[in-house]
Each structure stands twice: as structure tokens, then as C-alpha cells.
PDB file of N, CA and C in Angstrom:
ATOM      1  N   MET A   1       6.208  81.089  -6.786  1.00  0.00           N
ATOM      2  CA  MET A   1       5.309  80.428  -5.740  1.00  0.00           C
ATOM      3  C   MET A   1       6.207  80.468  -4.284  1.00  0.00           C
ATOM      4  N   LYS A   2       5.812  80.701  -2.777  1.00  0.00           N
ATOM      5  CA  LYS A   2       6.231  80.052  -1.652  1.00  0.00           C
ATOM      6  C   LYS A   2       5.378  78.951  -1.577  1.00  0.00           C
ATOM      7  N   PRO A   3       6.566  78.191  -0.664  1.00  0.00           N
ATOM      8  CA  PRO A   3       5.040  76.811  -0.203  1.00  0.00           C
ATOM      9  C   PRO A   3       4.233  77.390   1.073  1.00  0.00           C
ATOM     10  N   THR A   4       4.831  78.439   1.532  1.00  0.00           N
ATOM     11  CA  THR A   4       3.618  78.905   2.780  1.00  0.00           C
ATOM     12  C   THR A   4       2.418  79.191   2.021  1.00  0.00           C
ATOM     13  N   ALA A   5       2.347  80.091   0.521  1.00  0.00           N
ATOM     14  CA  ALA A   5       1.388  80.588   0.335  1.00  0.00           C
ATOM     15  C   ALA A   5       0.657  78.753  -0.515  1.00  0.00           C
ATOM     16  N   LEU A   6       1.374  78.114  -1.121  1.00  0.00           N
ATOM     17  CA  LEU A   6       0.729  76.368  -1.833  1.00  0.00           C
ATOM     18  C   LEU A   6       0.042  75.991  -0.912  1.00  0.00           C
ATOM     19  N   ALA A   7       0.920  75.877   0.208  1.00  0.00           N
ATOM     20  CA  ALA A   7       0.348  74.743   1.677  1.00  0.00           C
ATOM     21  C   ALA A   7      -1.595  75.458   1.790  1.00  0.00           C
ATOM     22  N   LYS A   8      -1.143  76.853   2.013  1.00  0.00           N
ATOM     23  CA  LYS A   8      -2.623  77.208   2.671  1.00  0.00           C
ATOM     24  C   LYS A   8      -3.828  76.814   1.191  1.00  0.00           C
ATOM     25  N   GLU A   9      -3.611  77.483   0.322  1.00  0.00           N
ATOM     26  CA  GLU A   9      -4.254  77.346  -0.947  1.00  0.00           C
ATOM     27  C   GLU A   9      -4.626  75.957  -1.267  1.00  0.00           C
ATOM     28  N   ALA A  10      -3.803  75.183  -1.084  1.00  0.00           N
ATOM     29  CA  ALA A  10      -4.036  73.473  -1.444  1.00  0.00           C
ATOM     30  C   ALA A  10      -4.585  72.650  -0.186  1.00  0.00           C
ATOM     31  N   GLY A  11      -3.897  73.141   0.934  1.00  0.00           N
ATOM     32  CA  GLY A  11      -4.450  72.301   2.010  1.00  0.00           C
ATOM     33  C   GLY A  11      -3.251  71.121   2.100  1.00  0.00           C
ATOM     34  N   VAL A  12      -2.699  71.589   2.003  1.00  0.00           N
ATOM     35  CA  VAL A  12      -1.245  69.980   2.361  1.00  0.00           C
ATOM     36  C   VAL A  12       0.025  71.195   3.924  1.00  0.00           C
ATOM     37  N   SER A  13       0.785  70.238   3.890  1.00  0.00           N
ATOM     38  CA  SER A  13       1.758  71.227   4.700  1.00  0.00           C
ATOM     39  C   SER A  13       2.320  71.738   3.884  1.00  0.00           C
ATOM     40  N   VAL A  14       3.363  72.319   4.820  1.00  0.00           N
ATOM     41  CA  VAL A  14       4.334  73.452   4.006  1.00  0.00           C
ATOM     42  C   VAL A  14       5.567  72.330   3.439  1.00  0.00           C
ATOM     43  N   SER A  15       6.393  71.567   4.190  1.00  0.00           N
ATOM     44  CA  SER A  15       7.068  71.136   4.508  1.00  0.00           C
ATOM     45  C   SER A  15       6.433  70.187   3.194  1.00  0.00           C
ATOM     46  N   TYR A  16       5.750  69.757   2.490  1.00  0.00           N
ATOM     47  CA  TYR A  16       5.408  68.685   1.490  1.00  0.00           C
ATOM     48  C   TYR A  16       4.598  69.906   0.550  1.00  0.00           C
ATOM     49  N   ALA A  17       4.055  71.099   0.900  1.00  0.00           N
ATOM     50  CA  ALA A  17       4.053  71.537  -0.404  1.00  0.00           C
ATOM     51  C   ALA A  17       5.799  72.350  -1.452  1.00  0.00           C
ATOM     52  N   SER A  18       6.877  72.668  -0.248  1.00  0.00           N
ATOM     53  CA  SER A  18       8.097  72.990  -0.047  1.00  0.00           C
ATOM     54  C   SER A  18       8.883  71.843  -1.671  1.00  0.00           C
ATOM     55  N   GLN A  19       8.366  70.572  -0.802  1.00  0.00           N
ATOM     56  CA  GLN A  19       8.940  69.681  -1.500  1.00  0.00           C
ATOM     57  C   GLN A  19       8.307  69.135  -3.246  1.00  0.00           C
ATOM     58  N   ILE A  20       6.947  69.185  -3.208  1.00  0.00           N
ATOM     59  CA  ILE A  20       6.534  69.821  -4.715  1.00  0.00           C
ATOM     60  C   ILE A  20       6.662  70.528  -5.418  1.00  0.00           C
ATOM     61  N   LEU A  21       7.151  72.149  -5.001  1.00  0.00           N
ATOM     62  CA  LEU A  21       7.622  73.267  -5.623  1.00  0.00           C
ATOM     63  C   LEU A  21       9.240  72.746  -6.117  1.00  0.00           C
ATOM     64  N   THR A  22       9.821  72.622  -5.184  1.00  0.00           N
ATOM     65  CA  THR A  22      11.191  71.662  -5.720  1.00  0.00           C
ATOM     66  C   THR A  22      11.702  70.258  -6.202  1.00  0.00           C
ATOM     67  N   GLY A  23      10.093  69.523  -6.218  1.00  0.00           N
ATOM     68  CA  GLY A  23      10.864  68.875  -7.260  1.00  0.00           C
ATOM     69  C   GLY A  23      11.261  67.519  -6.558  1.00  0.00           C
ATOM     70  N   GLU A  24      11.525  67.628  -5.106  1.00  0.00           N
ATOM     71  CA  GLU A  24      11.835  66.605  -4.611  1.00  0.00           C
ATOM     72  C   GLU A  24      10.957  65.852  -4.435  1.00  0.00           C
ATOM     73  N   ARG A  25       9.677  65.935  -4.289  1.00  0.00           N
ATOM     74  CA  ARG A  25       8.284  64.544  -4.628  1.00  0.00           C
ATOM     75  C   ARG A  25       7.659  65.079  -5.408  1.00  0.00           C
ATOM     76  N   SER A  26       6.480  64.869  -6.345  1.00  0.00           N
ATOM     77  CA  SER A  26       5.736  65.404  -6.978  1.00  0.00           C
ATOM     78  C   SER A  26       4.049  64.143  -6.323  1.00  0.00           C
ATOM     79  N   PRO A  27       3.376  65.709  -6.371  1.00  0.00           N
ATOM     80  CA  PRO A  27       2.314  65.215  -6.319  1.00  0.00           C
ATOM     81  C   PRO A  27       1.299  63.883  -6.882  1.00  0.00           C
ATOM     82  N   SER A  28       0.162  63.672  -6.620  1.00  0.00           N
ATOM     83  CA  SER A  28      -0.660  62.949  -7.265  1.00  0.00           C
ATOM     84  C   SER A  28      -1.379  63.917  -8.060  1.00  0.00           C
ATOM     85  N   ARG A  29      -1.810  63.100  -9.552  1.00  0.00           N
ATOM     86  CA  ARG A  29      -2.415  64.069 -10.361  1.00  0.00           C
ATOM     87  C   ARG A  29      -3.773  64.344 -10.306  1.00  0.00           C
ATOM     88  N   PRO A  30      -4.210  63.928  -8.953  1.00  0.00           N
ATOM     89  CA  PRO A  30      -5.799  64.570  -8.116  1.00  0.00           C
ATOM     90  C   PRO A  30      -4.636  66.343  -7.940  1.00  0.00           C
ATOM     91  N   LEU A  31      -4.191  65.376  -7.133  1.00  0.00           N
ATOM     92  CA  LEU A  31      -3.499  66.495  -5.880  1.00  0.00           C
ATOM     93  C   LEU A  31      -3.241  68.057  -7.159  1.00  0.00           C
ATOM     94  N   ALA A  32      -2.270  67.556  -8.248  1.00  0.00           N
ATOM     95  CA  ALA A  32      -1.705  68.805  -9.290  1.00  0.00           C
ATOM     96  C   ALA A  32      -2.866  69.183  -9.390  1.00  0.00           C
ATOM     97  N   ILE A  33      -3.725  68.794  -9.870  1.00  0.00           N
ATOM     98  CA  ILE A  33      -5.026  69.894 -10.728  1.00  0.00           C
ATOM     99  C   ILE A  33      -5.293  70.258 -10.110  1.00  0.00           C
ATOM    100  N   HIS A  34      -5.765  69.945  -8.658  1.00  0.00           N
ATOM    101  CA  HIS A  34      -6.872  71.399  -7.565  1.00  0.00           C
ATOM    102  C   HIS A  34      -5.688  72.346  -6.952  1.00  0.00           C
ATOM    103  N   ILE A  35      -4.197  72.192  -7.011  1.00  0.00           N
ATOM    104  CA  ILE A  35      -3.550  72.536  -6.847  1.00  0.00           C
ATOM    105  C   ILE A  35      -3.356  74.020  -7.869  1.00  0.00           C
ATOM    106  N   PHE A  36      -3.887  73.518  -9.702  1.00  0.00           N
ATOM    107  CA  PHE A  36      -3.584  74.303 -10.664  1.00  0.00           C
ATOM    108  C   PHE A  36      -4.567  75.367 -10.345  1.00  0.00           C
ATOM    109  N   ARG A  37      -5.810  74.636  -9.937  1.00  0.00           N
ATOM    110  CA  ARG A  37      -7.120  75.359  -9.889  1.00  0.00           C
ATOM    111  C   ARG A  37      -7.242  76.163  -8.543  1.00  0.00           C
ATOM    112  N   LYS A  38      -6.637  75.904  -7.913  1.00  0.00           N
ATOM    113  CA  LYS A  38      -6.507  76.777  -6.485  1.00  0.00           C
ATOM    114  C   LYS A  38      -5.324  78.091  -6.832  1.00  0.00           C
ATOM    115  N   THR A  39      -4.294  77.463  -7.704  1.00  0.00           N
ATOM    116  CA  THR A  39      -3.094  79.070  -7.321  1.00  0.00           C
ATOM    117  C   THR A  39      -2.758  79.145  -8.559  1.00  0.00           C
ATOM    118  N   GLY A  40      -3.004  78.179  -9.760  1.00  0.00           N
ATOM    119  CA  GLY A  40      -2.677  78.881 -11.358  1.00  0.00           C
ATOM    120  C   GLY A  40      -1.345  77.833 -11.407  1.00  0.00           C
ATOM    121  N   TRP A  41      -0.652  77.886 -10.259  1.00  0.00           N
ATOM    122  CA  TRP A  41       0.681  77.375 -11.157  1.00  0.00           C
ATOM    123  C   TRP A  41       0.596  75.874 -11.386  1.00  0.00           C
ATOM    124  N   ARG A  42       1.450  75.255 -12.622  1.00  0.00           N
ATOM    125  CA  ARG A  42       1.112  73.970 -13.148  1.00  0.00           C
ATOM    126  C   ARG A  42       2.105  73.362 -12.969  1.00  0.00           C
ATOM    127  N   HIS A  43       2.028  72.036 -12.279  1.00  0.00           N
ATOM    128  CA  HIS A  43       3.222  70.974 -11.851  1.00  0.00           C
ATOM    129  C   HIS A  43       3.515  70.654 -13.158  1.00  0.00           C
ATOM    130  N   PRO A  44       4.929  70.022 -13.624  1.00  0.00           N
ATOM    131  CA  PRO A  44       4.843  69.627 -14.680  1.00  0.00           C
ATOM    132  C   PRO A  44       4.402  68.179 -14.989  1.00  0.00           C
ATOM    133  N   LEU A  45       3.785  67.665 -14.159  1.00  0.00           N
ATOM    134  CA  LEU A  45       2.869  66.838 -14.095  1.00  0.00           C
ATOM    135  C   LEU A  45       1.772  66.530 -15.194  1.00  0.00           C
ATOM    136  N   LEU A  46       1.112  68.215 -15.315  1.00  0.00           N
ATOM    137  CA  LEU A  46       0.254  67.917 -16.038  1.00  0.00           C
ATOM    138  C   LEU A  46       0.585  69.305 -17.189  1.00  0.00           C
ATOM    139  N   ASP A  47       1.679  69.094 -17.737  1.00  0.00           N
ATOM    140  CA  ASP A  47       2.278  69.663 -18.891  1.00  0.00           C
ATOM    141  C   ASP A  47       1.510  68.947 -20.107  1.00  0.00           C
ATOM    142  N   GLY A  48       0.819  69.205 -20.989  1.00  0.00           N
ATOM    143  CA  GLY A  48       0.334  68.998 -22.125  1.00  0.00           C
ATOM    144  C   GLY A  48      -0.980  68.330 -21.875  1.00  0.00           C
ATOM    145  N   LEU A  49      -1.818  68.495 -20.657  1.00  0.00           N
ATOM    146  CA  LEU A  49      -2.692  68.202 -20.258  1.00  0.00           C
ATOM    147  C   LEU A  49      -3.857  70.010 -20.455  1.00  0.00           C
ATOM    148  N   SER A  50      -4.695  69.409 -21.422  1.00  0.00           N
ATOM    149  CA  SER A  50      -5.806  70.625 -22.065  1.00  0.00           C
ATOM    150  C   SER A  50      -6.441  70.826 -20.810  1.00  0.00           C
ATOM    151  N   GLU A  51      -7.569  71.940 -20.577  1.00  0.00           N
ATOM    152  CA  GLU A  51      -8.940  72.344 -19.367  1.00  0.00           C
ATOM    153  C   GLU A  51      -9.535  70.658 -19.624  1.00  0.00           C
ATOM    154  N   GLU A  52      -9.823  70.657 -20.925  1.00  0.00           N
ATOM    155  CA  GLU A  52     -10.411  69.406 -21.562  1.00  0.00           C
ATOM    156  C   GLU A  52     -10.245  68.018 -20.387  1.00  0.00           C
ATOM    157  N   GLN A  53      -9.570  68.309 -20.959  1.00  0.00           N
ATOM    158  CA  GLN A  53      -8.734  66.513 -20.375  1.00  0.00           C
ATOM    159  C   GLN A  53      -8.653  67.037 -18.422  1.00  0.00           C
ATOM    160  N   MET A  54      -8.237  67.643 -18.205  1.00  0.00           N
ATOM    161  CA  MET A  54      -8.110  67.951 -16.266  1.00  0.00           C
ATOM    162  C   MET A  54      -9.739  68.166 -15.869  1.00  0.00           C
ATOM    163  N   ALA A  55     -10.457  68.430 -16.891  1.00  0.00           N
ATOM    164  CA  ALA A  55     -12.273  68.645 -16.747  1.00  0.00           C
ATOM    165  C   ALA A  55     -12.481  67.175 -16.726  1.00  0.00           C
ATOM    166  N   VAL A  56     -11.976  66.181 -17.302  1.00  0.00           N
ATOM    167  CA  VAL A  56     -12.406  64.673 -17.110  1.00  0.00           C
ATOM    168  C   VAL A  56     -11.703  64.019 -16.008  1.00  0.00           C
ATOM    169  N   LEU A  57     -10.398  64.151 -16.077  1.00  0.00           N
ATOM    170  CA  LEU A  57      -9.746  63.642 -14.857  1.00  0.00           C
ATOM    171  C   LEU A  57     -10.240  63.937 -13.711  1.00  0.00           C
ATOM    172  N   GLU A  58     -10.594  65.369 -13.896  1.00  0.00           N
ATOM    173  CA  GLU A  58     -11.304  65.745 -12.401  1.00  0.00           C
ATOM    174  C   GLU A  58     -12.045  64.937 -11.503  1.00  0.00           C
ATOM    175  N   SER A  59     -13.280  64.586 -12.750  1.00  0.00           N
ATOM    176  CA  SER A  59     -14.158  64.057 -12.476  1.00  0.00           C
ATOM    177  C   SER A  59     -14.125  61.971 -12.194  1.00  0.00           C
ATOM    178  N   ILE A  60     -13.661  61.624 -12.998  1.00  0.00           N
ATOM    179  CA  ILE A  60     -13.063  60.457 -12.356  1.00  0.00           C
ATOM    180  C   ILE A  60     -11.866  59.954 -11.165  1.00  0.00           C
ATOM    181  N   GLU A  61     -11.601  60.587 -11.236  1.00  0.00           N
ATOM    182  CA  GLU A  61     -10.264  60.923  -9.843  1.00  0.00           C
ATOM    183  C   GLU A  61     -10.188  62.005  -8.860  1.00  0.00           C
ATOM    184  N   PRO A  62     -11.072  62.256  -8.541  1.00  0.00           N
ATOM    185  CA  PRO A  62     -11.137  63.626  -7.918  1.00  0.00           C
ATOM    186  C   PRO A  62     -10.498  63.897  -6.780  1.00  0.00           C
ATOM    187  N   TRP A  63      -9.950  64.949  -6.255  1.00  0.00           N
ATOM    188  CA  TRP A  63      -9.253  65.173  -5.309  1.00  0.00           C
ATOM    189  C   TRP A  63      -9.856  65.151  -4.128  1.00  0.00           C
ATOM    190  N   ALA A  64      -9.302  64.313  -2.901  1.00  0.00           N
ATOM    191  CA  ALA A  64      -9.960  64.126  -1.082  1.00  0.00           C
ATOM    192  C   ALA A  64      -8.558  64.715  -0.851  1.00  0.00           C
ATOM    193  N   PRO A  65      -8.736  65.482   0.249  1.00  0.00           N
ATOM    194  CA  PRO A  65      -7.600  65.751   1.534  1.00  0.00           C
ATOM    195  C   PRO A  65      -7.386  63.964   2.186  1.00  0.00           C
ATOM    196  N   ARG A  66      -6.528  63.875   2.892  1.00  0.00           N
ATOM    197  CA  ARG A  66      -6.652  62.493   4.199  1.00  0.00           C
ATOM    198  C   ARG A  66      -7.195  63.346   4.913  1.00  0.00           C
ATOM    199  N   LYS A  67      -7.611  62.150   5.928  1.00  0.00           N
ATOM    200  CA  LYS A  67      -8.341  62.589   6.832  1.00  0.00           C
ATOM    201  C   LYS A  67      -7.355  61.961   7.705  1.00  0.00           C
ATOM    202  N   VAL A  68      -7.294  62.547   9.031  1.00  0.00           N
ATOM    203  CA  VAL A  68      -6.677  61.520   9.767  1.00  0.00           C
ATOM    204  C   VAL A  68      -7.539  60.981  10.796  1.00  0.00           C
ATOM    205  N   SER A  69      -8.213  59.806  11.295  1.00  0.00           N
ATOM    206  CA  SER A  69      -8.766  58.872  11.662  1.00  0.00           C
ATOM    207  C   SER A  69      -8.759  59.126  13.528  1.00  0.00           C
ATOM    208  N   THR A  70      -9.094  59.346  14.272  1.00  0.00           N
ATOM    209  CA  THR A  70      -9.460  59.586  15.379  1.00  0.00           C
ATOM    210  C   THR A  70     -10.709  58.750  16.465  1.00  0.00           C
ATOM    211  N   ASP A  71     -10.814  57.684  15.418  1.00  0.00           N
ATOM    212  CA  ASP A  71     -12.108  56.683  15.726  1.00  0.00           C
ATOM    213  C   ASP A  71     -11.668  55.842  16.389  1.00  0.00           C
ATOM    214  N   ALA A  72     -10.081  55.063  16.654  1.00  0.00           N
ATOM    215  CA  ALA A  72      -9.474  54.058  17.181  1.00  0.00           C
ATOM    216  C   ALA A  72      -9.517  54.390  18.486  1.00  0.00           C
ATOM    217  N   PRO A  73      -9.824  53.270  19.214  1.00  0.00           N
ATOM    218  CA  PRO A  73      -9.472  53.761  20.877  1.00  0.00           C
ATOM    219  C   PRO A  73      -7.997  53.737  20.962  1.00  0.00           C
ATOM    220  N   SER A  74      -7.322  54.726  22.077  1.00  0.00           N
ATOM    221  CA  SER A  74      -6.211  54.742  22.953  1.00  0.00           C
ATOM    222  C   SER A  74      -6.184  53.225  23.249  1.00  0.00           C
ATOM    223  N   SER A  75      -4.779  53.034  23.652  1.00  0.00           N
ATOM    224  CA  SER A  75      -4.241  51.959  24.357  1.00  0.00           C
ATOM    225  C   SER A  75      -5.108  51.631  26.128  1.00  0.00           C
ATOM    226  N   SER A  76      -5.496  52.694  26.516  1.00  0.00           N
ATOM    227  CA  SER A  76      -5.700  52.946  27.887  1.00  0.00           C
ATOM    228  C   SER A  76      -7.144  52.255  27.481  1.00  0.00           C
ATOM    229  N   GLN A  77      -7.623  52.983  26.705  1.00  0.00           N
ATOM    230  CA  GLN A  77      -9.447  52.844  26.171  1.00  0.00           C
ATOM    231  C   GLN A  77      -9.926  50.766  25.958  1.00  0.00           C
ATOM    232  N   SER A  78      -9.090  50.647  25.327  1.00  0.00           N
ATOM    233  CA  SER A  78      -9.237  48.853  25.199  1.00  0.00           C
ATOM    234  C   SER A  78      -8.810  48.379  26.303  1.00  0.00           C
ATOM    235  N   GLU A  79      -7.686  49.115  27.402  1.00  0.00           N
ATOM    236  CA  GLU A  79      -7.428  47.820  28.366  1.00  0.00           C
ATOM    237  C   GLU A  79      -8.862  47.822  28.990  1.00  0.00           C
ATOM    238  N   ALA A  80      -8.657  48.595  29.613  1.00  0.00           N
ATOM    239  CA  ALA A  80     -10.346  48.821  29.827  1.00  0.00           C
ATOM    240  C   ALA A  80     -11.726  48.248  29.211  1.00  0.00           C
ATOM    241  N   ALA A  81     -11.233  47.408  28.456  1.00  0.00           N
ATOM    242  CA  ALA A  81     -12.832  47.413  28.060  1.00  0.00           C
ATOM    243  C   ALA A  81     -12.975  45.754  27.859  1.00  0.00           C
TER     244      ALA A  81
END
């Protein structure tokens, strides 16, 4: 699998996808399951887990993409207040 394909399907950056594929970084278990569901590629973190076990883990700790907060006011807005 190519990093660009993994990034697109899993919703992560290309650099992070590359690090996951090369073993430089390990994804969280919820992300590893998400990647498997989206692409069929099984990270070694999931070795030995059955489909039923992954389903239980998904219900306990579902994967959710990180959201960048844009609610914090900028410094210029804070000074004006």
C-alpha cells in the first residue's frame, strides 16, 4: 500500500501514513482498526485479533479523527477585548 492511498482512505496525513507503513510510528489501536476497515491492510498491532474481537474493541474505543480547534481567539482579538 502506498502512503498517499492510506492517507486518503484513513483520513491521516501522508507523512503519518508513511511512518505507519514503514514502522517508524504505530497507530493507536482504534486507528489501526479503522485503517483495516477502510483498506484491508492489517497493521501488526492487530495480529491475533479476530473479527469479533475487533468489533468489541471498536464499540469500546471507536476511532475519531482529531479536530483542530478554531474557537480560541487570536492574540489581536484578545487584546481588543
